[in-house]
Structure formats: C-alpha cells, structure tokens
Amino acid sequence: MISMGNYPNPPITESLFDFQVEPNASITSENLEKLADQVTESYPEKKPRRRFESRFEFKEGQSGQPQTVDLGIEGYLCWNQDKTQALQFRLNGYSFSRLKPYKGWDIAYPEAIKYWEKYLSLAKPISVRRLAVRFINMINIPAKKFDLDHYFSLPPQTPNITGIDIKNFLTQVTFQMPEQGMQVTLIQTIGQSQDPISTPIILDIELGVDVQQDIDKTSIEKIFKDLRKAKNDIFEKCITNRTRVLFQ
C-alpha cells in the first residue's frame, strides 16, 4: 500500500497545525500585533481577528432582542504573498495552515514549529493545553454517477431501493482513540464543483491530543509524529485502491 506521504498528487487542500495554550495574563492583542509585524517579510498581509458575542435581553411583555457585542481583537491572521500559507496568532494559541499545493509534512511541519517558537518566545503561555492537526482532502471522482463504496470504505447508507441517485450527503463522527490519547472528528461530504464530468468528495480529518502537563519541544515533536501516523492510518482506512489510483 502506498503511504499518504508518498502520493505524487496528494488530495490535500488544507493542512492545519494547531496549538492551544493557557495564556499568560500579561499577553495583549498589542503584543500579538507586534509579533505579526515581525513576520511581514515572509507573511506581509496582516488582518486582525475580532471576537463577538451575541446577548439576549428579556423584558417583561417584550420579546428578546439579540445584541452583538464586540469583545475586541483576539488575534492576527497573517498570509504569505501567494496565499498558500497562513499564521494565526491568538491570545489562547497559535496555528499554521498550508493550502494547496501541499508539499508534504516534512516541509509544512518545520514551518509550523518555526513560528510556534516565535509565538512561545513573545506570548510566554503558562502551558500548552492541546495539540491538533486537521487535513482537508478534496478527492475528485472522475464521474457524475458512481458507487461510493467503490471509492470509500465508509460511504453513507441509503434504503435498499433500485435506482437511487445520491445528490448530497454529510456524515460526521467523533471518536476516541484511548491508547493514543487522541480524539478524532471525521467528516465526509460532497464538495462544490462546476466540472460536468467529475464529483468532488471532501474527506476532513481532525485529530487532537489534550496535554495534561508542561511539555518541551521534543515532547511536542513526538505528539505531532503520533498525530501524523494516526492521520495517515485513518485516511488509508477510509479509501479503496480505486481511490488511491487517483493520486498517482
């Protein structure tokens, strides 16, 4: 079986590495803006991310009217020049995204760690709470009508009626992998496409590990290595050989 890392044309449209932290009380949005300004050579586009909250006020004899409250800037999103990579510096963490074309874990992960260390140096979080990866795959099936179970091991189920033609579906399952200490969310759905001869199927895999203690760089690398292996195993168990041929 060909492993995910060796496919010549992997179907990954976005990969994300996420670090959630217990923030230091002294960290502010101004600190994060300074951090965003430090990376402008490689990530020149900077946008603030604001946090909003909806509130309802109920008065006797009146229906509740929702109010949207601006809670201020919670972080900054920084894009590289060609919009293929993004950094997100938040009060409660940091994330790195790589969009298509995905060039492999061995290129994406070092970039994620590089800017995590910059965040760590400036934000000085109390501890790391959670580490996670998310890989969104867009698998283009070269047909408009086909049997999903020819391509996927976990297709949606329909009544046993002759002539059914599935127009749309969405399945989501969240499960624990106790031995690895991971929680996984797996989503499958039909994507949007104007192509008259193919059908995009989205396979979205997110895995996370709750961290119970302070950890160093070596421990973080070990956790992400385990997440990588588990992510690849889950992906391979979701598809068939007919699907693997599409990535050659």
Protein backbone atom coordinates (compact mmCIF):
# COMPACT_ATOMS: atom_id res chain seq x y z
CA MET A 1 0.00 0.00 0.00
CA ILE A 2 1.31 3.46 -0.89
CA SER A 3 1.53 5.72 2.15
CA MET A 4 -0.04 9.18 2.25
CA GLY A 5 3.31 10.92 2.33
CA ASN A 6 4.42 9.29 -0.94
CA TYR A 7 1.46 10.05 -3.21
CA PRO A 8 2.69 12.07 -6.22
CA ASN A 9 -0.57 14.08 -6.24
CA PRO A 10 -1.99 14.13 -2.70
CA PRO A 11 -5.61 15.37 -2.48
CA ILE A 12 -4.93 17.69 0.48
CA THR A 13 -6.42 21.16 0.01
CA GLU A 14 -5.56 22.40 3.51
CA SER A 15 -3.40 21.18 6.37
CA LEU A 16 -3.53 22.83 9.78
CA PHE A 17 -1.31 22.54 12.86
CA ASP A 18 -2.90 23.97 15.99
CA PHE A 19 -1.53 24.82 19.44
CA GLN A 20 -3.97 25.77 22.20
CA VAL A 21 -2.48 27.29 25.35
CA GLU A 22 -3.28 28.59 28.80
CA PRO A 23 -2.47 32.27 28.14
CA ASN A 24 -0.24 34.39 30.27
CA ALA A 25 -2.31 37.11 31.97
CA SER A 26 0.04 39.77 30.63
CA ILE A 27 -0.44 38.93 26.93
CA THR A 28 -2.46 41.51 24.96
CA SER A 29 -3.62 41.98 21.39
CA GLU A 30 -0.97 44.70 21.08
CA ASN A 31 1.69 42.07 21.80
CA LEU A 32 0.26 39.86 19.08
CA GLU A 33 0.26 42.75 16.61
CA LYS A 34 3.96 43.26 17.30
CA LEU A 35 4.52 39.58 16.61
CA ALA A 36 2.58 39.85 13.34
CA ASP A 37 4.74 42.83 12.37
CA GLN A 38 7.89 40.76 12.97
CA VAL A 39 6.94 38.23 10.29
CA THR A 40 5.97 40.62 7.50
CA GLU A 41 8.99 39.68 5.36
CA SER A 42 7.52 36.20 4.79
CA TYR A 43 3.88 36.94 5.72
CA PRO A 44 3.18 40.50 4.53
CA GLU A 45 -0.63 40.51 4.80
CA LYS A 46 -1.95 41.08 8.32
CA LYS A 47 -5.59 41.12 9.40
CA PRO A 48 -7.00 41.43 12.93
CA ARG A 49 -9.44 38.79 14.14
CA ARG A 50 -12.16 40.14 16.39
CA ARG A 51 -14.31 38.21 18.82
CA PHE A 52 -18.05 38.82 19.03
CA GLU A 53 -20.70 37.63 21.45
CA SER A 54 -24.46 37.54 21.00
CA ARG A 55 -26.53 38.54 24.00
CA PHE A 56 -30.28 38.50 24.59
CA GLU A 57 -32.06 40.88 26.93
CA PHE A 58 -35.56 39.85 28.03
CA LYS A 59 -38.02 42.41 29.39
CA GLU A 60 -41.50 41.75 30.66
CA GLY A 61 -44.02 41.97 27.86
CA GLN A 62 -41.35 42.25 25.19
CA SER A 63 -39.60 39.72 23.00
CA GLY A 64 -35.88 39.36 23.46
CA GLN A 65 -33.75 41.36 21.05
CA PRO A 66 -30.31 39.98 20.21
CA GLN A 67 -27.34 42.27 20.64
CA THR A 68 -23.91 41.63 19.16
CA VAL A 69 -21.11 42.76 21.43
CA ASP A 70 -17.61 43.36 20.09
CA LEU A 71 -15.18 41.84 22.58
CA GLY A 72 -12.15 43.24 20.81
CA ILE A 73 -9.24 41.81 18.90
CA GLU A 74 -8.33 38.25 19.87
CA GLY A 75 -5.53 37.74 17.36
CA TYR A 76 -4.00 38.34 13.94
CA LEU A 77 -4.10 36.33 10.74
CA CYS A 78 -1.01 36.67 8.53
CA TRP A 79 -0.80 35.43 4.92
CA ASN A 80 2.23 34.86 2.74
CA GLN A 81 2.48 36.54 -0.67
CA ASP A 82 0.78 33.82 -2.73
CA LYS A 83 -1.88 32.98 -0.12
CA THR A 84 -0.71 29.38 0.27
CA GLN A 85 0.32 29.68 3.93
CA ALA A 86 -1.16 31.44 6.92
CA LEU A 87 -0.21 32.08 10.54
CA GLN A 88 -2.79 32.79 13.21
CA PHE A 89 -1.54 34.33 16.45
CA ARG A 90 -4.25 34.26 19.14
CA LEU A 91 -4.46 35.11 22.81
CA ASN A 92 -5.18 31.43 23.50
CA GLY A 93 -2.85 29.86 20.95
CA TYR A 94 -1.34 29.69 17.51
CA SER A 95 -1.97 27.82 14.28
CA PHE A 96 -0.26 27.32 10.92
CA SER A 97 -2.11 26.47 7.70
CA ARG A 98 -0.77 25.22 4.40
CA LEU A 99 -3.10 25.31 1.42
CA LYS A 100 -2.87 23.58 -1.94
CA PRO A 101 -0.38 22.67 -3.34
CA TYR A 102 0.57 20.63 -0.29
CA LYS A 103 4.29 19.84 -0.46
CA GLY A 104 4.49 17.32 2.35
CA TRP A 105 4.67 17.10 6.13
CA ASP A 106 8.45 17.46 6.14
CA ILE A 107 8.08 20.95 4.67
CA ALA A 108 4.91 22.09 6.44
CA TYR A 109 5.76 20.93 9.97
CA PRO A 110 9.12 22.76 10.29
CA GLU A 111 7.41 25.96 9.13
CA ALA A 112 4.70 25.48 11.76
CA ILE A 113 7.27 24.93 14.51
CA LYS A 114 9.39 27.88 13.41
CA TYR A 115 6.59 30.35 14.11
CA TRP A 116 5.34 28.47 17.15
CA GLU A 117 8.71 29.18 18.73
CA LYS A 118 8.32 32.88 17.91
CA TYR A 119 4.87 32.86 19.50
CA LEU A 120 6.20 30.98 22.51
CA SER A 121 9.01 33.49 23.00
CA LEU A 122 6.70 36.50 22.93
CA ALA A 123 3.45 35.22 24.45
CA LYS A 124 5.09 33.08 27.16
CA PRO A 125 1.96 30.96 27.76
CA ILE A 126 1.55 29.27 31.11
CA SER A 127 1.15 25.85 29.48
CA VAL A 128 0.11 24.01 26.34
CA ARG A 129 -3.44 22.62 26.57
CA ARG A 130 -3.98 20.86 23.26
CA LEU A 131 -2.13 19.95 20.09
CA ALA A 132 -4.05 19.11 16.93
CA VAL A 133 -3.85 18.60 13.19
CA ARG A 134 -6.55 18.90 10.58
CA PHE A 135 -6.27 17.71 6.99
CA ILE A 136 -8.99 18.52 4.46
CA ASN A 137 -8.86 16.31 1.37
CA MET A 138 -10.73 17.01 -1.86
CA ILE A 139 -10.97 13.75 -3.79
CA ASN A 140 -12.20 14.26 -7.36
CA ILE A 141 -14.02 11.20 -8.61
CA PRO A 142 -13.93 11.17 -12.45
CA ALA A 143 -17.67 10.55 -12.85
CA LYS A 144 -21.05 12.03 -12.01
CA LYS A 145 -22.72 8.69 -11.28
CA PHE A 146 -20.78 6.04 -9.39
CA ASP A 147 -21.00 3.74 -6.38
CA LEU A 148 -19.49 5.46 -3.37
CA ASP A 149 -18.44 2.13 -1.88
CA HIS A 150 -16.12 1.65 -4.86
CA TYR A 151 -14.06 4.56 -3.56
CA PHE A 152 -14.75 4.78 0.18
CA SER A 153 -14.91 2.21 2.93
CA LEU A 154 -17.43 4.25 4.97
CA PRO A 155 -19.98 5.51 2.41
CA PRO A 156 -23.37 6.90 3.51
CA GLN A 157 -26.13 4.33 3.68
CA THR A 158 -29.40 4.58 1.74
CA PRO A 159 -32.56 2.46 1.68
CA ASN A 160 -32.32 -0.67 -0.46
CA ILE A 161 -34.25 0.83 -3.37
CA THR A 162 -33.31 0.33 -7.00
CA GLY A 163 -32.26 3.40 -8.95
CA ILE A 164 -31.29 5.70 -6.09
CA ASP A 165 -29.02 8.57 -7.15
CA ILE A 166 -27.35 10.35 -4.20
CA LYS A 167 -27.36 14.13 -4.71
CA ASN A 168 -25.78 15.17 -1.44
CA PHE A 169 -24.68 13.77 1.90
CA LEU A 170 -22.92 14.79 5.09
CA THR A 171 -21.59 12.36 7.67
CA GLN A 172 -19.71 13.30 10.82
CA VAL A 173 -18.41 11.07 13.57
CA THR A 174 -16.26 11.90 16.58
CA PHE A 175 -14.48 9.11 18.39
CA GLN A 176 -11.74 8.48 20.92
CA MET A 177 -8.55 6.50 20.40
CA PRO A 178 -7.76 5.78 24.08
CA GLU A 179 -4.46 4.01 23.53
CA GLN A 180 -3.10 7.02 21.66
CA GLY A 181 -4.90 9.56 23.86
CA MET A 182 -6.47 11.15 20.76
CA GLN A 183 -9.88 12.44 19.80
CA VAL A 184 -10.80 12.27 16.11
CA THR A 185 -13.50 14.03 14.10
CA LEU A 186 -14.13 12.57 10.65
CA ILE A 187 -16.35 14.36 8.12
CA GLN A 188 -17.37 13.22 4.63
CA THR A 189 -19.47 15.28 2.24
CA ILE A 190 -19.87 16.31 -1.39
CA GLY A 191 -17.94 19.43 -2.40
CA GLN A 192 -18.92 22.20 -4.80
CA SER A 193 -17.84 21.93 -8.42
CA GLN A 194 -18.81 23.19 -11.86
CA ASP A 195 -16.97 20.35 -13.58
CA PRO A 196 -19.50 18.41 -15.67
CA ILE A 197 -17.51 15.16 -15.60
CA SER A 198 -16.25 14.80 -12.03
CA THR A 199 -17.56 14.82 -8.45
CA PRO A 200 -15.51 16.23 -5.53
CA ILE A 201 -15.79 14.34 -2.24
CA ILE A 202 -14.43 16.02 0.88
CA LEU A 203 -12.71 13.86 3.48
CA ASP A 204 -11.94 16.03 6.51
CA ILE A 205 -9.85 14.51 9.31
CA GLU A 206 -9.09 16.30 12.59
CA LEU A 207 -7.09 14.73 15.43
CA GLY A 208 -6.20 16.29 18.77
CA VAL A 209 -4.40 15.45 21.99
CA ASP A 210 -5.17 17.14 25.30
CA VAL A 211 -1.91 17.90 27.05
CA GLN A 212 -2.01 17.44 30.80
CA GLN A 213 1.37 18.90 31.69
CA ASP A 214 4.00 21.35 30.55
CA ILE A 215 5.88 19.91 27.58
CA ASP A 216 9.07 20.77 25.74
CA LYS A 217 9.99 20.85 22.06
CA THR A 218 10.93 17.15 22.00
CA SER A 219 7.58 16.14 23.52
CA ILE A 220 5.69 18.31 21.06
CA GLU A 221 7.55 16.72 18.15
CA LYS A 222 6.70 13.25 19.47
CA ILE A 223 2.99 14.10 19.76
CA PHE A 224 2.83 15.53 16.25
CA LYS A 225 4.67 12.48 14.91
CA ASP A 226 1.99 10.28 16.50
CA LEU A 227 -0.77 12.51 15.10
CA ARG A 228 0.76 12.22 11.64
CA LYS A 229 0.84 8.42 11.79
CA ALA A 230 -2.73 8.19 13.09
CA LYS A 231 -3.97 10.65 10.46
CA ASN A 232 -2.40 8.63 7.67
CA ASP A 233 -3.78 5.37 9.05
CA ILE A 234 -7.30 6.78 9.27
CA PHE A 235 -7.11 8.22 5.75
CA GLU A 236 -5.96 4.90 4.29
CA LYS A 237 -8.75 3.03 6.09
CA CYS A 238 -11.33 5.41 4.61
CA ILE A 239 -10.45 4.83 0.95
CA THR A 240 -10.10 1.96 -1.51
CA ASN A 241 -7.46 1.02 -4.07
CA ARG A 242 -9.58 2.61 -6.78
CA THR A 243 -9.25 5.93 -4.95
CA ARG A 244 -5.51 5.55 -4.44
CA VAL A 245 -5.02 5.33 -8.19
CA LEU A 246 -6.39 8.88 -8.47
CA PHE A 247 -3.41 10.25 -6.55
CA GLN A 248 -0.75 8.80 -8.88
